[in-house]
Amino acid sequence: MLHSKYYKKETNEDKKTSAAFENLMLLPDNVFWPIFRTSCFDAPNLPFQSGKLISYDFWPHWDRTGTDHANYVEPDSFLEFEAFNVIIEGRQALVYKCIWLSLLTSVDKYAKELDNTALPGYDASATRR
């Protein structure tokens, strides 16, 4: 919950996101991903191997341009692995009641941010698998 305190997040799902992922990220990469993967309802469609966890960010602020967000797009967590990236959006409701539009907007915004990244030898399409 240190990240939720640091970022001054007071909602219940933010504290739970912080508490769960702070502890999971203490595990070695080859242990973290299998636990995370098998806990997802869509596990059969997720890759078996993630590679190393390169970086993570709690509640990143992404530009809102092209969305209906008032200030910015803010997923709960963003994980960058060697093989792919993961956007996490926690909800307090049951899975079938989740509001997926928020997550899809975050994914779309992330794709736009990738397109705006200009680094030598960087292929944004490789991230979207």
C-alpha atoms as a PDB file:
ATOM      1  CA  MET A   1       0.000   0.000   0.000  1.00  0.00           C
ATOM      2  CA  LEU A   2       3.014   2.287  -0.038  1.00  0.00           C
ATOM      3  CA  HIS A   3       2.338   3.357  -3.621  1.00  0.00           C
ATOM      4  CA  SER A   4      -1.290   4.240  -2.838  1.00  0.00           C
ATOM      5  CA  LYS A   5      -0.095   6.435   0.054  1.00  0.00           C
ATOM      6  CA  TYR A   6       2.648   8.034  -2.037  1.00  0.00           C
ATOM      7  CA  TYR A   7       0.240   8.854  -4.880  1.00  0.00           C
ATOM      8  CA  LYS A   8      -2.498   9.897  -2.400  1.00  0.00           C
ATOM      9  CA  LYS A   9      -4.969   7.320  -3.710  1.00  0.00           C
ATOM     10  CA  GLU A  10      -7.899   6.914  -1.350  1.00  0.00           C
ATOM     11  CA  THR A  11     -10.330   4.605  -3.162  1.00  0.00           C
ATOM     12  CA  ASN A  12     -10.580   0.978  -2.066  1.00  0.00           C
ATOM     13  CA  GLU A  13      -9.526  -0.528  -5.385  1.00  0.00           C
ATOM     14  CA  ASP A  14      -6.400   1.672  -5.540  1.00  0.00           C
ATOM     15  CA  LYS A  15      -5.263   0.430  -2.133  1.00  0.00           C
ATOM     16  CA  LYS A  16      -5.925  -3.160  -3.169  1.00  0.00           C
ATOM     17  CA  THR A  17      -4.074  -2.722  -6.470  1.00  0.00           C
ATOM     18  CA  SER A  18      -1.112  -1.234  -4.653  1.00  0.00           C
ATOM     19  CA  ALA A  19      -1.067  -3.866  -1.898  1.00  0.00           C
ATOM     20  CA  ALA A  20      -1.314  -6.804  -4.301  1.00  0.00           C
ATOM     21  CA  PHE A  21       1.136  -5.677  -6.967  1.00  0.00           C
ATOM     22  CA  GLU A  22       3.762  -4.227  -4.628  1.00  0.00           C
ATOM     23  CA  ASN A  23       4.091  -7.668  -3.058  1.00  0.00           C
ATOM     24  CA  LEU A  24       3.943  -9.596  -6.339  1.00  0.00           C
ATOM     25  CA  MET A  25       6.708  -7.428  -7.804  1.00  0.00           C
ATOM     26  CA  LEU A  26       9.039  -8.520  -5.012  1.00  0.00           C
ATOM     27  CA  LEU A  27       9.010 -12.018  -6.497  1.00  0.00           C
ATOM     28  CA  PRO A  28      11.487 -13.089  -9.186  1.00  0.00           C
ATOM     29  CA  ASP A  29      10.189 -12.454 -12.710  1.00  0.00           C
ATOM     30  CA  ASN A  30       9.898 -16.171 -13.473  1.00  0.00           C
ATOM     31  CA  VAL A  31       7.587 -16.541 -10.435  1.00  0.00           C
ATOM     32  CA  PHE A  32       5.634 -13.279 -10.719  1.00  0.00           C
ATOM     33  CA  TRP A  33       4.281 -13.766 -14.251  1.00  0.00           C
ATOM     34  CA  PRO A  34       2.960 -17.342 -13.799  1.00  0.00           C
ATOM     35  CA  ILE A  35       1.088 -16.281 -10.641  1.00  0.00           C
ATOM     36  CA  PHE A  36      -0.330 -13.204 -12.359  1.00  0.00           C
ATOM     37  CA  ARG A  37      -1.209 -15.115 -15.528  1.00  0.00           C
ATOM     38  CA  THR A  38      -3.047 -17.956 -13.800  1.00  0.00           C
ATOM     39  CA  SER A  39      -5.044 -15.507 -11.680  1.00  0.00           C
ATOM     40  CA  CYS A  40      -6.529 -13.870 -14.797  1.00  0.00           C
ATOM     41  CA  PHE A  41      -9.853 -15.121 -16.116  1.00  0.00           C
ATOM     42  CA  ASP A  42      -8.410 -14.947 -19.642  1.00  0.00           C
ATOM     43  CA  ALA A  43      -5.274 -16.981 -18.795  1.00  0.00           C
ATOM     44  CA  PRO A  44      -5.486 -19.327 -21.819  1.00  0.00           C
ATOM     45  CA  ASN A  45      -5.075 -16.317 -24.120  1.00  0.00           C
ATOM     46  CA  LEU A  46      -2.098 -14.826 -22.266  1.00  0.00           C
ATOM     47  CA  PRO A  47       1.520 -15.653 -23.182  1.00  0.00           C
ATOM     48  CA  PHE A  48       3.313 -18.286 -21.086  1.00  0.00           C
ATOM     49  CA  GLN A  49       6.604 -16.378 -20.964  1.00  0.00           C
ATOM     50  CA  SER A  50       6.983 -12.692 -20.132  1.00  0.00           C
ATOM     51  CA  GLY A  51      10.713 -12.251 -19.920  1.00  0.00           C
ATOM     52  CA  LYS A  52      12.037  -9.871 -17.290  1.00  0.00           C
ATOM     53  CA  LEU A  53       9.953  -7.113 -15.754  1.00  0.00           C
ATOM     54  CA  ILE A  54      11.695  -4.024 -17.117  1.00  0.00           C
ATOM     55  CA  SER A  55       9.659  -1.326 -15.391  1.00  0.00           C
ATOM     56  CA  TYR A  56       6.339  -0.594 -13.752  1.00  0.00           C
ATOM     57  CA  ASP A  57       4.331   2.518 -13.037  1.00  0.00           C
ATOM     58  CA  PHE A  58       1.380   2.999 -10.708  1.00  0.00           C
ATOM     59  CA  TRP A  59      -1.327   5.389 -11.961  1.00  0.00           C
ATOM     60  CA  PRO A  60       0.575   6.863 -14.918  1.00  0.00           C
ATOM     61  CA  HIS A  61      -0.977   9.994 -16.398  1.00  0.00           C
ATOM     62  CA  TRP A  62      -1.362   9.638 -20.140  1.00  0.00           C
ATOM     63  CA  ASP A  63      -2.507  12.410 -22.445  1.00  0.00           C
ATOM     64  CA  ARG A  64      -6.306  12.558 -22.820  1.00  0.00           C
ATOM     65  CA  THR A  65      -6.312  13.712 -26.448  1.00  0.00           C
ATOM     66  CA  GLY A  66      -8.781  11.652 -28.461  1.00  0.00           C
ATOM     67  CA  THR A  67     -10.662  10.404 -25.381  1.00  0.00           C
ATOM     68  CA  ASP A  68     -13.662  11.600 -23.385  1.00  0.00           C
ATOM     69  CA  HIS A  69     -11.610  11.891 -20.188  1.00  0.00           C
ATOM     70  CA  ALA A  70     -11.652  15.302 -18.502  1.00  0.00           C
ATOM     71  CA  ASN A  71      -7.996  15.543 -17.460  1.00  0.00           C
ATOM     72  CA  TYR A  72      -5.931  12.492 -18.416  1.00  0.00           C
ATOM     73  CA  VAL A  73      -6.072   8.731 -18.926  1.00  0.00           C
ATOM     74  CA  GLU A  74      -4.950   6.908 -15.777  1.00  0.00           C
ATOM     75  CA  PRO A  75      -4.743   3.113 -15.684  1.00  0.00           C
ATOM     76  CA  ASP A  76      -4.047   1.647 -12.246  1.00  0.00           C
ATOM     77  CA  SER A  77      -0.771   0.113 -13.272  1.00  0.00           C
ATOM     78  CA  PHE A  78       1.435  -0.294 -16.302  1.00  0.00           C
ATOM     79  CA  LEU A  79       3.925  -3.177 -16.452  1.00  0.00           C
ATOM     80  CA  GLU A  80       6.633  -3.350 -19.105  1.00  0.00           C
ATOM     81  CA  PHE A  81       8.044  -6.831 -19.683  1.00  0.00           C
ATOM     82  CA  GLU A  82      10.651  -7.891 -22.233  1.00  0.00           C
ATOM     83  CA  ALA A  83       8.027  -9.684 -24.341  1.00  0.00           C
ATOM     84  CA  PHE A  84       4.975  -7.413 -23.935  1.00  0.00           C
ATOM     85  CA  ASN A  85       3.307  -4.760 -21.806  1.00  0.00           C
ATOM     86  CA  VAL A  86       0.354  -5.056 -19.417  1.00  0.00           C
ATOM     87  CA  ILE A  87      -2.178  -2.381 -18.488  1.00  0.00           C
ATOM     88  CA  ILE A  88      -4.014  -3.063 -15.217  1.00  0.00           C
ATOM     89  CA  GLU A  89      -7.332  -1.482 -14.305  1.00  0.00           C
ATOM     90  CA  GLY A  90      -8.830  -2.716 -11.038  1.00  0.00           C
ATOM     91  CA  ARG A  91     -12.539  -2.571 -10.285  1.00  0.00           C
ATOM     92  CA  GLN A  92     -14.542  -3.294  -7.158  1.00  0.00           C
ATOM     93  CA  ALA A  93     -17.385  -4.912  -9.102  1.00  0.00           C
ATOM     94  CA  LEU A  94     -17.606  -8.491 -10.275  1.00  0.00           C
ATOM     95  CA  VAL A  95     -15.923  -9.209 -13.611  1.00  0.00           C
ATOM     96  CA  TYR A  96     -19.157  -9.333 -15.604  1.00  0.00           C
ATOM     97  CA  LYS A  97     -20.092  -5.901 -14.227  1.00  0.00           C
ATOM     98  CA  CYS A  98     -16.770  -4.270 -15.104  1.00  0.00           C
ATOM     99  CA  ILE A  99     -16.755  -1.157 -17.203  1.00  0.00           C
ATOM    100  CA  TRP A 100     -14.420  -2.250 -19.972  1.00  0.00           C
ATOM    101  CA  LEU A 101     -14.617   1.048 -21.870  1.00  0.00           C
ATOM    102  CA  SER A 102     -12.150   2.579 -19.426  1.00  0.00           C
ATOM    103  CA  LEU A 103      -9.642  -0.202 -20.011  1.00  0.00           C
ATOM    104  CA  LEU A 104     -10.087  -0.113 -23.774  1.00  0.00           C
ATOM    105  CA  THR A 105      -9.577   3.657 -23.767  1.00  0.00           C
ATOM    106  CA  SER A 106      -6.352   3.129 -21.834  1.00  0.00           C
ATOM    107  CA  VAL A 107      -5.164   0.529 -24.338  1.00  0.00           C
ATOM    108  CA  ASP A 108      -6.014   2.822 -27.254  1.00  0.00           C
ATOM    109  CA  LYS A 109      -4.254   5.745 -25.570  1.00  0.00           C
ATOM    110  CA  TYR A 110      -1.200   3.596 -24.919  1.00  0.00           C
ATOM    111  CA  ALA A 111      -1.112   2.605 -28.593  1.00  0.00           C
ATOM    112  CA  LYS A 112      -1.174   6.300 -29.545  1.00  0.00           C
ATOM    113  CA  GLU A 113       1.645   7.035 -27.087  1.00  0.00           C
ATOM    114  CA  LEU A 114       3.696   4.252 -28.698  1.00  0.00           C
ATOM    115  CA  ASP A 115       3.129   5.769 -32.125  1.00  0.00           C
ATOM    116  CA  ASN A 116       4.474   9.096 -30.836  1.00  0.00           C
ATOM    117  CA  THR A 117       7.658   7.501 -29.489  1.00  0.00           C
ATOM    118  CA  ALA A 118      10.588   8.172 -31.774  1.00  0.00           C
ATOM    119  CA  LEU A 119      13.618   6.166 -30.700  1.00  0.00           C
ATOM    120  CA  PRO A 120      16.299   4.723 -32.987  1.00  0.00           C
ATOM    121  CA  GLY A 121      15.495   1.083 -33.719  1.00  0.00           C
ATOM    122  CA  TYR A 122      12.174   1.232 -31.818  1.00  0.00           C
ATOM    123  CA  ASP A 123       9.322  -0.716 -33.393  1.00  0.00           C
ATOM    124  CA  ALA A 124       6.027   0.189 -31.701  1.00  0.00           C
ATOM    125  CA  SER A 125       4.133  -2.523 -33.567  1.00  0.00           C
ATOM    126  CA  ALA A 126       6.215  -5.202 -31.810  1.00  0.00           C
ATOM    127  CA  THR A 127       4.673  -4.132 -28.494  1.00  0.00           C
ATOM    128  CA  ARG A 128       1.127  -4.712 -29.736  1.00  0.00           C
ATOM    129  CA  ARG A 129       0.963  -8.517 -29.859  1.00  0.00           C
END
